[in-house]
Amino acid sequence: MRQEKFATAVEAGHKGLVYIRIPFDPSVTWDVRTRHFVRGRLNGCSFEGEIGFRRRKFYMLLDEELQRAAKLSPGDTVEAAMEPREPGEEESSSKPGLAWGRLASGAAPRPRAKSATRAVTAAKKPVRAATKKKATRKEAQSAPAPARKKPPARKRVVKKT
């Protein structure tokens, strides 16, 4: 299979995830598969990963270790080269999920640590009071409904002929 080279922007998605868009359809460029596992280089840094498809676009998420090694941040332009690879035993048996790219080291992927932005966002969420009691179904039914205002009366206009 041939290697594809391209330049693309590093973008930030929701929940602090960083990704690159893949400007081609791997099923057309290489071969038809349900999942596309790749290896290659980002700014000269070797990586392994999987190409994902969402919202009619192909992408690959970049883990924090790969971002540091390749010196990437959202808004940067990156030179990428990638080619298909055969998945490892663990990868082929796992369910499809988010398509991550990680440093090529031959080791199994480690679970992703929460980023600082996620921790700050989680700290800002309001905490529900443990002592607050939910209304039971019986209490909710017996509570009187708020009074509705009556609409103003219409004026009738009588036409004289």
N, C-alpha and C. Protein backbone atom coordinates (compact mmCIF):
# COMPACT_ATOMS: atom_id res chain seq x y z
N MET A 1 0.84 -1.17 0.00
CA MET A 1 0.00 0.00 0.00
C MET A 1 0.89 1.24 0.00
N ARG A 2 0.38 2.26 -0.63
CA ARG A 2 1.21 3.45 -0.73
C ARG A 2 0.98 4.41 0.42
N GLN A 3 1.99 5.20 0.67
CA GLN A 3 1.94 6.18 1.74
C GLN A 3 1.29 7.47 1.23
N GLU A 4 0.45 8.08 2.03
CA GLU A 4 -0.19 9.35 1.69
C GLU A 4 0.47 10.46 2.49
N LYS A 5 0.85 11.54 1.81
CA LYS A 5 1.44 12.70 2.47
C LYS A 5 0.51 13.89 2.27
N PHE A 6 0.32 14.67 3.34
CA PHE A 6 -0.56 15.82 3.27
C PHE A 6 -0.26 16.78 4.41
N ALA A 7 -0.73 18.00 4.27
CA ALA A 7 -0.64 19.00 5.34
C ALA A 7 -2.06 19.27 5.82
N THR A 8 -2.23 19.38 7.11
CA THR A 8 -3.56 19.62 7.68
C THR A 8 -3.43 20.44 8.95
N ALA A 9 -4.52 21.00 9.39
CA ALA A 9 -4.53 21.81 10.60
C ALA A 9 -4.86 20.94 11.81
N VAL A 10 -4.26 21.29 12.93
CA VAL A 10 -4.58 20.64 14.20
C VAL A 10 -5.75 21.42 14.78
N GLU A 11 -6.82 20.73 15.13
CA GLU A 11 -8.04 21.40 15.59
C GLU A 11 -8.43 20.90 16.97
N ALA A 12 -9.16 21.75 17.69
CA ALA A 12 -9.66 21.38 19.01
C ALA A 12 -11.15 21.11 18.91
N GLY A 13 -11.56 19.99 19.46
CA GLY A 13 -12.98 19.63 19.46
C GLY A 13 -13.58 19.88 20.83
N HIS A 14 -14.77 19.36 21.05
CA HIS A 14 -15.40 19.53 22.35
C HIS A 14 -14.73 18.63 23.38
N LYS A 15 -14.91 18.96 24.63
CA LYS A 15 -14.34 18.22 25.76
C LYS A 15 -12.82 18.20 25.75
N GLY A 16 -12.19 19.18 25.12
CA GLY A 16 -10.74 19.29 25.16
C GLY A 16 -9.99 18.32 24.27
N LEU A 17 -10.66 17.62 23.36
CA LEU A 17 -10.00 16.68 22.47
C LEU A 17 -9.35 17.41 21.31
N VAL A 18 -8.17 16.97 20.92
CA VAL A 18 -7.42 17.57 19.81
C VAL A 18 -7.33 16.53 18.70
N TYR A 19 -7.55 16.97 17.44
CA TYR A 19 -7.58 16.02 16.33
C TYR A 19 -7.05 16.67 15.05
N ILE A 20 -6.79 15.81 14.06
CA ILE A 20 -6.48 16.29 12.71
C ILE A 20 -7.52 15.68 11.77
N ARG A 21 -7.86 16.43 10.75
CA ARG A 21 -8.76 15.90 9.71
C ARG A 21 -7.92 15.19 8.68
N ILE A 22 -8.42 14.09 8.19
CA ILE A 22 -7.76 13.34 7.13
C ILE A 22 -8.43 13.75 5.82
N PRO A 23 -7.68 14.34 4.87
CA PRO A 23 -8.31 14.92 3.68
C PRO A 23 -8.64 13.93 2.57
N PHE A 24 -8.68 12.64 2.87
CA PHE A 24 -9.01 11.65 1.84
C PHE A 24 -9.82 10.52 2.47
N ASP A 25 -10.48 9.76 1.63
CA ASP A 25 -11.25 8.61 2.08
C ASP A 25 -10.34 7.38 2.02
N PRO A 26 -9.97 6.81 3.17
CA PRO A 26 -9.05 5.67 3.16
C PRO A 26 -9.59 4.45 2.42
N SER A 27 -10.90 4.27 2.36
CA SER A 27 -11.47 3.13 1.64
C SER A 27 -11.27 3.27 0.14
N VAL A 28 -11.24 4.50 -0.36
CA VAL A 28 -11.02 4.73 -1.78
C VAL A 28 -9.52 4.71 -2.08
N THR A 29 -8.73 5.35 -1.24
CA THR A 29 -7.29 5.46 -1.47
C THR A 29 -6.57 4.14 -1.27
N TRP A 30 -6.90 3.38 -0.22
CA TRP A 30 -6.20 2.14 0.06
C TRP A 30 -7.09 0.94 -0.29
N ASP A 31 -7.90 0.51 0.64
CA ASP A 31 -8.84 -0.59 0.36
C ASP A 31 -10.02 -0.47 1.32
N VAL A 32 -11.07 -1.19 1.01
CA VAL A 32 -12.29 -1.12 1.80
C VAL A 32 -12.14 -1.97 3.06
N ARG A 33 -12.29 -1.34 4.21
CA ARG A 33 -12.24 -2.01 5.51
C ARG A 33 -13.26 -1.34 6.42
N THR A 34 -13.63 -2.03 7.48
CA THR A 34 -14.54 -1.41 8.43
C THR A 34 -13.79 -0.45 9.35
N ARG A 35 -12.53 -0.76 9.66
CA ARG A 35 -11.68 0.11 10.49
C ARG A 35 -10.34 0.27 9.81
N HIS A 36 -9.80 1.47 9.84
CA HIS A 36 -8.52 1.75 9.18
C HIS A 36 -7.44 2.05 10.23
N PHE A 37 -6.52 1.11 10.41
CA PHE A 37 -5.39 1.28 11.31
C PHE A 37 -4.21 1.79 10.49
N VAL A 38 -3.52 2.80 11.01
CA VAL A 38 -2.43 3.43 10.25
C VAL A 38 -1.19 3.60 11.11
N ARG A 39 -0.08 3.85 10.41
CA ARG A 39 1.17 4.26 11.07
C ARG A 39 1.76 5.35 10.18
N GLY A 40 2.59 6.19 10.77
CA GLY A 40 3.18 7.25 9.97
C GLY A 40 3.96 8.23 10.81
N ARG A 41 4.05 9.47 10.30
CA ARG A 41 4.81 10.51 10.97
C ARG A 41 4.02 11.81 10.97
N LEU A 42 4.06 12.51 12.10
CA LEU A 42 3.50 13.84 12.23
C LEU A 42 4.65 14.76 12.63
N ASN A 43 5.00 15.70 11.77
CA ASN A 43 6.15 16.58 12.02
C ASN A 43 7.39 15.78 12.37
N GLY A 44 7.58 14.65 11.71
CA GLY A 44 8.77 13.82 11.94
C GLY A 44 8.67 12.88 13.13
N CYS A 45 7.57 12.87 13.83
CA CYS A 45 7.39 12.03 15.02
C CYS A 45 6.55 10.80 14.64
N SER A 46 7.08 9.60 14.88
CA SER A 46 6.37 8.36 14.51
C SER A 46 5.14 8.14 15.37
N PHE A 47 4.07 7.65 14.76
CA PHE A 47 2.84 7.37 15.50
C PHE A 47 2.16 6.15 14.92
N GLU A 48 1.23 5.59 15.70
CA GLU A 48 0.31 4.54 15.26
C GLU A 48 -1.08 4.99 15.68
N GLY A 49 -2.08 4.62 14.91
CA GLY A 49 -3.42 5.03 15.29
C GLY A 49 -4.48 4.42 14.42
N GLU A 50 -5.64 5.02 14.50
CA GLU A 50 -6.80 4.57 13.75
C GLU A 50 -7.50 5.80 13.17
N ILE A 51 -7.98 5.67 11.95
CA ILE A 51 -8.72 6.76 11.32
C ILE A 51 -10.20 6.54 11.63
N GLY A 52 -10.85 7.58 12.12
CA GLY A 52 -12.27 7.50 12.43
C GLY A 52 -13.09 8.28 11.42
N PHE A 53 -14.39 8.06 11.45
CA PHE A 53 -15.30 8.75 10.54
C PHE A 53 -16.49 9.25 11.34
N ARG A 54 -16.73 10.55 11.30
CA ARG A 54 -17.87 11.13 11.99
C ARG A 54 -18.27 12.41 11.29
N ARG A 55 -19.56 12.62 11.17
CA ARG A 55 -20.11 13.82 10.52
C ARG A 55 -19.55 14.04 9.12
N ARG A 56 -19.50 12.97 8.37
CA ARG A 56 -19.03 12.97 6.98
C ARG A 56 -17.58 13.42 6.82
N LYS A 57 -16.76 13.26 7.85
CA LYS A 57 -15.35 13.63 7.79
C LYS A 57 -14.50 12.54 8.43
N PHE A 58 -13.30 12.37 7.90
CA PHE A 58 -12.35 11.43 8.48
C PHE A 58 -11.43 12.21 9.41
N TYR A 59 -11.06 11.60 10.53
CA TYR A 59 -10.25 12.29 11.54
C TYR A 59 -9.39 11.30 12.30
N MET A 60 -8.45 11.84 13.09
CA MET A 60 -7.68 11.03 14.03
C MET A 60 -7.41 11.91 15.25
N LEU A 61 -7.81 11.44 16.43
CA LEU A 61 -7.55 12.15 17.67
C LEU A 61 -6.08 11.99 18.04
N LEU A 62 -5.51 13.03 18.63
CA LEU A 62 -4.10 13.00 19.03
C LEU A 62 -4.03 12.98 20.55
N ASP A 63 -3.38 11.95 21.11
CA ASP A 63 -3.25 11.92 22.56
C ASP A 63 -2.21 12.94 23.01
N GLU A 64 -2.21 13.26 24.31
CA GLU A 64 -1.37 14.33 24.84
C GLU A 64 0.12 14.04 24.66
N GLU A 65 0.50 12.79 24.79
CA GLU A 65 1.91 12.41 24.63
C GLU A 65 2.40 12.68 23.20
N LEU A 66 1.58 12.34 22.23
CA LEU A 66 1.92 12.58 20.83
C LEU A 66 1.95 14.08 20.54
N GLN A 67 1.04 14.84 21.11
CA GLN A 67 1.04 16.29 20.92
C GLN A 67 2.33 16.92 21.44
N ARG A 68 2.77 16.48 22.62
CA ARG A 68 4.02 17.01 23.20
C ARG A 68 5.22 16.63 22.35
N ALA A 69 5.30 15.37 21.94
CA ALA A 69 6.45 14.88 21.18
C ALA A 69 6.56 15.57 19.82
N ALA A 70 5.41 15.79 19.16
CA ALA A 70 5.41 16.42 17.83
C ALA A 70 5.30 17.94 17.92
N LYS A 71 5.22 18.47 19.16
CA LYS A 71 5.11 19.91 19.41
C LYS A 71 3.91 20.50 18.66
N LEU A 72 2.74 19.92 18.92
CA LEU A 72 1.51 20.35 18.25
C LEU A 72 0.54 20.96 19.25
N SER A 73 -0.19 21.96 18.78
CA SER A 73 -1.28 22.54 19.55
C SER A 73 -2.35 22.99 18.56
N PRO A 74 -3.60 23.16 19.02
CA PRO A 74 -4.67 23.57 18.10
C PRO A 74 -4.30 24.86 17.36
N GLY A 75 -4.56 24.86 16.07
CA GLY A 75 -4.25 26.01 15.23
C GLY A 75 -2.98 25.82 14.42
N ASP A 76 -2.13 24.87 14.80
CA ASP A 76 -0.89 24.60 14.06
C ASP A 76 -1.21 23.85 12.77
N THR A 77 -0.29 23.97 11.81
CA THR A 77 -0.37 23.16 10.60
C THR A 77 0.67 22.07 10.74
N VAL A 78 0.30 20.85 10.39
CA VAL A 78 1.18 19.71 10.57
C VAL A 78 1.40 19.01 9.23
N GLU A 79 2.62 18.55 9.01
CA GLU A 79 2.96 17.73 7.85
C GLU A 79 2.78 16.28 8.27
N ALA A 80 1.92 15.58 7.57
CA ALA A 80 1.61 14.21 7.94
C ALA A 80 1.90 13.25 6.79
N ALA A 81 2.34 12.06 7.15
CA ALA A 81 2.52 10.97 6.19
C ALA A 81 2.01 9.72 6.89
N MET A 82 1.12 9.00 6.21
CA MET A 82 0.59 7.78 6.84
C MET A 82 0.31 6.71 5.81
N GLU A 83 0.35 5.47 6.30
CA GLU A 83 0.06 4.31 5.47
C GLU A 83 -0.70 3.30 6.30
N PRO A 84 -1.45 2.42 5.68
CA PRO A 84 -2.22 1.43 6.45
C PRO A 84 -1.30 0.40 7.10
N ARG A 85 -1.77 -0.18 8.18
CA ARG A 85 -1.05 -1.25 8.87
C ARG A 85 -2.05 -2.27 9.35
N GLU A 86 -1.57 -3.45 9.65
CA GLU A 86 -2.42 -4.50 10.20
C GLU A 86 -2.61 -4.24 11.69
N PRO A 87 -3.82 -4.39 12.20
CA PRO A 87 -4.05 -4.16 13.63
C PRO A 87 -3.43 -5.25 14.48
N GLY A 88 -3.09 -4.88 15.71
CA GLY A 88 -2.59 -5.86 16.67
C GLY A 88 -3.73 -6.72 17.18
N GLU A 89 -3.39 -7.77 17.89
CA GLU A 89 -4.37 -8.71 18.45
C GLU A 89 -5.41 -7.99 19.29
N GLU A 90 -4.94 -7.12 20.18
CA GLU A 90 -5.82 -6.39 21.09
C GLU A 90 -6.73 -5.42 20.33
N GLU A 91 -6.17 -4.75 19.33
CA GLU A 91 -6.93 -3.77 18.56
C GLU A 91 -8.03 -4.42 17.72
N SER A 92 -7.72 -5.53 17.10
CA SER A 92 -8.71 -6.17 16.23
C SER A 92 -9.86 -6.78 17.02
N SER A 93 -9.61 -7.18 18.27
CA SER A 93 -10.67 -7.78 19.07
C SER A 93 -11.49 -6.73 19.82
N SER A 94 -10.99 -5.50 19.92
CA SER A 94 -11.72 -4.46 20.67
C SER A 94 -12.85 -3.87 19.85
N LYS A 95 -13.82 -3.32 20.55
CA LYS A 95 -14.94 -2.66 19.88
C LYS A 95 -14.46 -1.32 19.33
N PRO A 96 -15.02 -0.88 18.20
CA PRO A 96 -14.65 0.43 17.69
C PRO A 96 -15.06 1.52 18.66
N GLY A 97 -14.20 2.50 18.83
CA GLY A 97 -14.49 3.63 19.71
C GLY A 97 -13.95 4.88 19.05
N LEU A 98 -13.45 5.78 19.85
CA LEU A 98 -12.83 6.98 19.29
C LEU A 98 -11.52 6.59 18.63
N ALA A 99 -11.17 7.23 17.52
CA ALA A 99 -9.99 6.88 16.74
C ALA A 99 -8.79 7.66 17.25
N TRP A 100 -7.98 7.05 18.09
CA TRP A 100 -6.83 7.71 18.70
C TRP A 100 -5.56 7.48 17.90
N GLY A 101 -4.67 8.46 17.94
CA GLY A 101 -3.31 8.32 17.45
C GLY A 101 -2.39 8.45 18.65
N ARG A 102 -1.34 7.63 18.71
CA ARG A 102 -0.41 7.66 19.85
C ARG A 102 1.01 7.46 19.34
N LEU A 103 1.96 7.75 20.19
CA LEU A 103 3.36 7.55 19.83
C LEU A 103 3.60 6.09 19.49
N ALA A 104 4.38 5.84 18.47
CA ALA A 104 4.71 4.46 18.09
C ALA A 104 5.78 3.95 19.02
N SER A 105 5.40 2.98 19.85
CA SER A 105 6.38 2.41 20.78
C SER A 105 6.24 0.91 20.89
N GLY A 106 5.22 0.35 20.26
CA GLY A 106 5.01 -1.08 20.33
C GLY A 106 4.27 -1.50 21.59
N ALA A 107 4.10 -0.58 22.54
CA ALA A 107 3.40 -0.91 23.78
C ALA A 107 1.90 -0.74 23.57
N ALA A 108 1.16 -1.42 24.42
CA ALA A 108 -0.30 -1.29 24.36
C ALA A 108 -0.70 0.13 24.75
N PRO A 109 -1.77 0.66 24.17
CA PRO A 109 -2.17 2.02 24.51
C PRO A 109 -2.58 2.13 25.97
N ARG A 110 -2.14 3.21 26.60
CA ARG A 110 -2.49 3.44 28.00
C ARG A 110 -3.81 4.20 28.07
N PRO A 111 -4.55 4.05 29.17
CA PRO A 111 -5.78 4.82 29.30
C PRO A 111 -5.45 6.31 29.35
N ARG A 112 -6.28 7.10 28.74
CA ARG A 112 -6.05 8.53 28.66
C ARG A 112 -6.35 9.18 30.00
N ALA A 113 -5.41 10.01 30.47
CA ALA A 113 -5.60 10.74 31.71
C ALA A 113 -6.48 11.95 31.46
N LYS A 114 -7.20 12.38 32.48
CA LYS A 114 -8.03 13.57 32.33
C LYS A 114 -7.13 14.78 32.12
N SER A 115 -7.50 15.60 31.20
CA SER A 115 -6.71 16.81 30.95
C SER A 115 -7.06 17.86 31.99
N ALA A 116 -6.24 18.88 32.09
CA ALA A 116 -6.45 19.94 33.06
C ALA A 116 -7.76 20.67 32.78
N THR A 117 -8.11 20.84 31.51
CA THR A 117 -9.36 21.54 31.19
C THR A 117 -10.56 20.73 31.63
N ARG A 118 -10.50 19.42 31.53
CA ARG A 118 -11.62 18.60 32.00
C ARG A 118 -11.78 18.70 33.50
N ALA A 119 -10.66 18.70 34.22
CA ALA A 119 -10.71 18.77 35.67
C ALA A 119 -11.30 20.09 36.12
N VAL A 120 -10.94 21.18 35.46
CA VAL A 120 -11.47 22.50 35.81
C VAL A 120 -12.95 22.55 35.51
N THR A 121 -13.36 22.03 34.36
CA THR A 121 -14.77 22.02 33.97
C THR A 121 -15.58 21.20 34.97
N ALA A 122 -15.06 20.06 35.37
CA ALA A 122 -15.77 19.21 36.32
C ALA A 122 -15.90 19.90 37.67
N ALA A 123 -14.90 20.69 38.07
CA ALA A 123 -14.94 21.39 39.34
C ALA A 123 -16.00 22.49 39.34
N LYS A 124 -16.31 23.04 38.19
CA LYS A 124 -17.28 24.13 38.09
C LYS A 124 -18.72 23.65 38.10
N LYS A 125 -18.95 22.35 37.87
CA LYS A 125 -20.31 21.83 37.83
C LYS A 125 -20.94 21.91 39.22
N PRO A 126 -22.21 22.31 39.30
CA PRO A 126 -22.85 22.40 40.62
C PRO A 126 -23.03 21.01 41.23
N VAL A 127 -22.85 20.94 42.52
CA VAL A 127 -22.99 19.69 43.24
C VAL A 127 -24.38 19.67 43.87
N ARG A 128 -25.09 18.58 43.70
CA ARG A 128 -26.42 18.44 44.26
C ARG A 128 -26.32 18.18 45.75
N ALA A 129 -27.12 18.85 46.51
CA ALA A 129 -27.11 18.67 47.96
C ALA A 129 -27.65 17.28 48.30
N ALA A 130 -26.94 16.60 49.19
CA ALA A 130 -27.34 15.24 49.56
C ALA A 130 -28.60 15.25 50.42
N THR A 131 -28.86 16.36 51.12
CA THR A 131 -30.01 16.42 52.01
C THR A 131 -31.29 16.80 51.27
N LYS A 132 -31.18 17.28 50.07
CA LYS A 132 -32.35 17.70 49.30
C LYS A 132 -33.21 16.47 48.99
N LYS A 133 -34.51 16.55 49.35
CA LYS A 133 -35.41 15.42 49.19
C LYS A 133 -36.22 15.58 47.91
N LYS A 134 -36.30 14.51 47.15
CA LYS A 134 -37.14 14.54 45.95
C LYS A 134 -38.59 14.37 46.37
N ALA A 135 -39.48 15.04 45.65
CA ALA A 135 -40.91 14.92 45.94
C ALA A 135 -41.38 13.55 45.49
N THR A 136 -42.15 12.90 46.33
CA THR A 136 -42.69 11.60 45.96
C THR A 136 -43.84 11.80 44.98
N ARG A 137 -44.25 10.73 44.35
CA ARG A 137 -45.32 10.82 43.35
C ARG A 137 -46.62 11.31 44.00
N LYS A 138 -46.91 10.84 45.19
CA LYS A 138 -48.14 11.22 45.87
C LYS A 138 -48.13 12.71 46.21
N GLU A 139 -46.99 13.21 46.71
CA GLU A 139 -46.87 14.63 47.03
C GLU A 139 -47.02 15.48 45.77
N ALA A 140 -46.43 15.03 44.67
CA ALA A 140 -46.48 15.78 43.43
C ALA A 140 -47.91 15.86 42.90
N GLN A 141 -48.70 14.78 43.07
CA GLN A 141 -50.08 14.77 42.59
C GLN A 141 -50.98 15.63 43.45
N SER A 142 -50.73 15.67 44.74
CA SER A 142 -51.60 16.41 45.64
C SER A 142 -51.31 17.91 45.63
N ALA A 143 -50.18 18.31 45.10
CA ALA A 143 -49.86 19.74 45.07
C ALA A 143 -50.79 20.44 44.10
N PRO A 144 -51.35 21.59 44.49
CA PRO A 144 -52.28 22.29 43.60
C PRO A 144 -51.54 22.87 42.40
N ALA A 145 -52.21 22.83 41.28
CA ALA A 145 -51.63 23.38 40.06
C ALA A 145 -51.69 24.90 40.12
N PRO A 146 -50.72 25.59 39.56
CA PRO A 146 -50.77 27.05 39.58
C PRO A 146 -51.97 27.55 38.78
N ALA A 147 -52.57 28.64 39.26
CA ALA A 147 -53.77 29.19 38.62
C ALA A 147 -53.39 29.79 37.27
N ARG A 148 -54.25 29.52 36.28
CA ARG A 148 -54.02 30.08 34.95
C ARG A 148 -54.81 31.37 34.81
N LYS A 149 -54.20 32.32 34.13
CA LYS A 149 -54.91 33.57 33.88
C LYS A 149 -55.87 33.36 32.74
N LYS A 150 -57.02 33.99 32.85
CA LYS A 150 -57.99 33.91 31.77
C LYS A 150 -57.62 34.92 30.71
N PRO A 151 -57.77 34.55 29.45
CA PRO A 151 -57.47 35.51 28.40
C PRO A 151 -58.51 36.64 28.41
N PRO A 152 -58.12 37.82 27.96
CA PRO A 152 -59.09 38.93 27.96
C PRO A 152 -60.26 38.62 27.02
N ALA A 153 -61.41 39.10 27.38
CA ALA A 153 -62.61 38.86 26.58
C ALA A 153 -62.50 39.58 25.25
N ARG A 154 -63.03 38.96 24.21
CA ARG A 154 -63.00 39.58 22.89
C ARG A 154 -64.15 40.57 22.76
N LYS A 155 -63.86 41.63 22.06
CA LYS A 155 -64.91 42.60 21.77
C LYS A 155 -65.59 42.19 20.48
N ARG A 156 -66.88 42.18 20.52
CA ARG A 156 -67.62 41.83 19.32
C ARG A 156 -67.98 43.10 18.57
N VAL A 157 -67.69 43.04 17.32
CA VAL A 157 -68.03 44.18 16.47
C VAL A 157 -69.21 43.77 15.61
N VAL A 158 -70.27 44.57 15.68
CA VAL A 158 -71.46 44.28 14.90
C VAL A 158 -71.49 45.24 13.73
N LYS A 159 -71.58 44.70 12.55
CA LYS A 159 -71.62 45.54 11.35
C LYS A 159 -73.06 45.91 11.05
N LYS A 160 -73.27 47.19 10.78
CA LYS A 160 -74.60 47.66 10.40
C LYS A 160 -74.72 47.66 8.89
N THR A 161 -75.81 47.20 8.41
CA THR A 161 -76.01 47.18 6.97
C THR A 161 -77.16 48.03 6.53
